[in-house]
Structures are given as C-alpha cells and as structure tokens.
Amino acid sequence: MWDLDTLARLNHGGGLRLAFLTLVLKRQALEARYPGGLGAFLGRSPGARAEGPLVAVHAMSGGDLGEVADHLAGAGYDMVSDSAVGDMFAGPLEACPGIGFYRTRLGQWYAVAKQGGTA
C-alpha cells in the first residue's frame, strides 16, 4: 500500500513509466557523484531522461543495461544505494532505498521517488 504523498505524485505525473528494462537512478546522486553531473550523464546517454527526482535509462536487453551500469559504477556512482531496475512486464527486479514501484490497474509499471529515501 502506498502512502498518500506517493499516490498524489503518481496522480500528478510524478512517476517514470517503465519501458522494456529500465534502470532508475536518483537525480541528486547523479548530480553529486557523476563527473560533470546530470548534464554530462544525459549528454553521454541520449536515451536517458530525467523527470523530477529520478532519471530513467531504458534498454532492450540486460547486456545493454549492464554496460550503462558498469560505466556508472566505474565513474563512482553507487549502484546499490542509488539505483533500481524494473521491467515493464514483471515490475521491480532490483530495489534500492528511496525508489519504489507502482503498478496501475491497466498493468503499467512506474517508478517513483519515495519520501524520506533521499531520491
């Protein structure tokens, strides 16, 4: 069950819809830890998109997503504490504090920043 704050954000477009495999990153952590910040990451990853406190990277395969994750880890980004992975059909695959997943009645999965999780 979701708290009222999370439900309100979802109702106002506050979630990132999962497409294929999705790596969900904390925007604040990217700004702090990725060399050059969010702008540099988005410039290197044209398929990535930022929305509110989260950033999504979509991939068709685990190998493609793994390349992005390896690059981030090599650049000093904390993949365990600051990222989650979800699948558009199965939902959450890898969890992390501050990022939650929500499934709509139509079966669509979204990632949301959870209050108090420093996302």
Protein backbone atom coordinates (compact mmCIF):
# COMPACT_ATOMS: atom_id res chain seq x y z
CA MET A 1 0.00 0.00 0.00
CA TRP A 2 1.26 3.46 -0.91
CA ASP A 3 1.26 6.49 1.36
CA LEU A 4 -0.85 9.50 0.35
CA ASP A 5 2.19 11.53 -0.76
CA THR A 6 3.26 8.86 -3.27
CA LEU A 7 -0.28 8.44 -4.59
CA ALA A 8 -0.61 12.20 -5.05
CA ARG A 9 2.65 12.33 -7.04
CA LEU A 10 1.54 9.44 -9.22
CA ASN A 11 -1.76 11.15 -9.95
CA HIS A 12 0.08 14.31 -10.99
CA GLY A 13 2.54 12.63 -13.35
CA GLY A 14 5.27 12.16 -10.75
CA GLY A 15 6.35 8.68 -11.80
CA LEU A 16 8.55 7.34 -14.56
CA ARG A 17 6.87 4.73 -16.74
CA LEU A 18 8.97 1.61 -17.25
CA ALA A 19 9.77 0.63 -20.82
CA PHE A 20 11.47 -2.69 -21.53
CA LEU A 21 14.20 -2.93 -18.88
CA THR A 22 14.62 0.34 -17.03
CA LEU A 23 17.49 1.48 -14.86
CA VAL A 24 16.13 4.08 -12.44
CA LEU A 25 18.68 6.48 -10.95
CA LYS A 26 18.46 9.13 -8.26
CA ARG A 27 18.94 12.54 -9.86
CA GLN A 28 20.50 14.01 -6.72
CA ALA A 29 23.11 11.23 -6.60
CA LEU A 30 23.98 11.73 -10.28
CA GLU A 31 24.47 15.45 -9.67
CA ALA A 32 26.72 14.74 -6.69
CA ARG A 33 28.74 11.73 -7.87
CA TYR A 34 28.85 11.56 -11.66
CA PRO A 35 31.71 13.61 -13.19
CA GLY A 36 30.07 16.65 -14.74
CA GLY A 37 26.74 15.90 -13.05
CA LEU A 38 23.41 15.13 -14.63
CA GLY A 39 24.10 17.15 -17.79
CA ALA A 40 27.22 15.16 -18.55
CA PHE A 41 25.42 11.87 -17.99
CA LEU A 42 22.49 12.86 -20.22
CA GLY A 43 24.94 14.02 -22.89
CA ARG A 44 26.65 10.63 -22.85
CA SER A 45 23.38 8.70 -22.67
CA PRO A 46 20.98 10.17 -25.23
CA GLY A 47 18.22 7.68 -24.39
CA ALA A 48 18.19 8.67 -20.73
CA ARG A 49 15.56 11.06 -19.46
CA ALA A 50 15.20 12.98 -16.24
CA GLU A 51 11.84 13.63 -14.64
CA GLY A 52 11.66 15.16 -11.20
CA PRO A 53 13.96 13.41 -8.74
CA LEU A 54 14.52 10.35 -10.96
CA VAL A 55 16.39 9.54 -14.16
CA ALA A 56 15.48 6.58 -16.38
CA VAL A 57 17.62 4.62 -18.82
CA HIS A 58 15.68 2.14 -20.96
CA ALA A 59 17.27 -0.88 -22.65
CA MET A 60 16.10 -3.82 -24.73
CA SER A 61 18.48 -6.27 -23.04
CA GLY A 62 20.25 -6.89 -19.77
CA GLY A 63 23.56 -6.62 -21.60
CA ASP A 64 22.80 -3.10 -22.78
CA LEU A 65 21.66 -2.09 -19.33
CA GLY A 66 24.75 -3.72 -17.84
CA GLU A 67 27.00 -1.55 -20.00
CA VAL A 68 25.38 1.59 -18.61
CA ALA A 69 25.58 0.25 -15.05
CA ASP A 70 29.27 -0.68 -15.49
CA HIS A 71 30.02 2.81 -16.82
CA LEU A 72 28.23 4.45 -13.88
CA ALA A 73 29.98 2.24 -11.33
CA GLY A 74 33.34 2.99 -12.94
CA ALA A 75 32.59 6.70 -12.67
CA GLY A 76 31.97 6.41 -8.91
CA TYR A 77 28.17 6.16 -8.86
CA ASP A 78 26.82 3.93 -6.05
CA MET A 79 24.69 1.40 -7.94
CA VAL A 80 23.47 -0.36 -4.77
CA SER A 81 22.24 2.69 -2.84
CA ASP A 82 21.21 4.97 -5.71
CA SER A 83 19.65 2.84 -8.44
CA ALA A 84 16.89 0.32 -9.04
CA VAL A 85 15.94 -1.85 -12.01
CA GLY A 86 12.47 -2.61 -13.25
CA ASP A 87 10.86 -4.48 -16.11
CA MET A 88 7.77 -3.20 -17.93
CA PHE A 89 6.04 -6.59 -17.52
CA ALA A 90 7.45 -8.00 -14.27
CA GLY A 91 7.91 -4.79 -12.28
CA PRO A 92 10.79 -4.36 -9.82
CA LEU A 93 13.85 -6.55 -10.34
CA GLU A 94 16.40 -4.73 -8.14
CA ALA A 95 15.27 -2.45 -5.33
CA CYS A 96 17.01 0.39 -3.54
CA PRO A 97 16.11 2.78 -0.73
CA GLY A 98 14.20 5.81 -1.97
CA ILE A 99 12.84 4.30 -5.19
CA GLY A 100 9.57 2.43 -5.29
CA PHE A 101 7.48 0.82 -7.99
CA TYR A 102 3.77 1.07 -8.65
CA ARG A 103 1.53 -0.91 -10.98
CA THR A 104 -1.60 0.69 -12.38
CA ARG A 105 -4.87 -1.13 -12.85
CA LEU A 106 -4.01 -1.33 -16.55
CA GLY A 107 -0.83 -3.24 -15.74
CA GLN A 108 1.65 -0.43 -16.44
CA TRP A 109 4.62 -0.17 -14.10
CA TYR A 110 6.01 3.15 -12.82
CA ALA A 111 9.00 4.05 -10.69
CA VAL A 112 8.52 6.75 -8.05
CA ALA A 113 10.75 8.56 -5.59
CA LYS A 114 9.68 7.57 -2.09
CA GLN A 115 9.51 10.25 0.55
CA GLY A 116 12.35 10.08 3.06
CA GLY A 117 14.50 7.98 0.69
CA THR A 118 16.69 10.90 -0.44
CA ALA A 119 15.85 10.33 -4.08
